[in-house]
Protein backbone atom coordinates (compact mmCIF):
# COMPACT_ATOMS: atom_id res chain seq x y z
CA MET A 1 -0.03 0.07 -0.08
CA SER A 2 3.05 2.34 0.19
CA PHE A 3 2.63 3.20 -3.51
CA LEU A 4 -0.48 5.12 -2.55
CA PHE A 5 1.77 7.67 -0.64
CA ASP A 6 4.47 7.89 -3.40
CA LYS A 7 4.82 11.55 -4.73
CA ARG A 8 4.13 10.45 -8.32
CA THR A 9 0.95 8.59 -7.33
CA LYS A 10 -0.24 11.74 -5.44
CA LYS A 11 0.28 13.88 -8.47
CA VAL A 12 -1.76 11.33 -10.60
CA VAL A 13 -4.49 11.23 -7.95
CA HIS A 14 -4.66 14.99 -7.98
CA ALA A 15 -4.85 15.17 -11.70
CA ILE A 16 -7.64 12.50 -11.77
CA TRP A 17 -9.62 14.55 -9.10
CA ALA A 18 -9.08 17.71 -11.14
CA VAL A 19 -10.56 15.98 -14.19
CA VAL A 20 -13.50 14.63 -12.09
CA ALA A 21 -14.19 17.98 -10.55
CA VAL A 22 -14.21 19.72 -13.95
CA LEU A 23 -16.48 17.00 -15.36
CA VAL A 24 -18.91 17.52 -12.39
CA ILE A 25 -18.89 21.27 -12.83
CA LEU A 26 -19.58 21.04 -16.55
CA GLY A 27 -22.31 18.53 -16.01
CA MET A 28 -23.98 20.87 -13.43
CA VAL A 29 -23.64 23.81 -15.90
CA VAL A 30 -25.22 21.84 -18.64
CA PHE A 31 -27.91 20.54 -16.37
CA PHE A 32 -28.87 23.82 -14.77
CA ALA A 33 -28.23 26.04 -17.92
CA PRO A 34 -31.80 25.62 -19.45
CA GLY A 35 -33.43 26.38 -16.09
CA LEU A 36 -31.30 29.56 -15.62
CA ALA A 37 -32.06 30.57 -19.14
CA ASN A 38 -35.75 30.18 -18.46
CA LEU A 39 -35.40 32.04 -15.27
CA PHE A 40 -33.64 35.02 -16.78
CA GLY A 41 -34.92 34.87 -20.25
């Protein structure tokens, strides 16, 4: 399990989390965009 605490592994994990976060944010924007457009439109 020591590989989980390797510096290179940490960088990979951070990169994956960054990608996941961006995908979630984009998904939320796409999901809520029609509602926001209706609200302000």
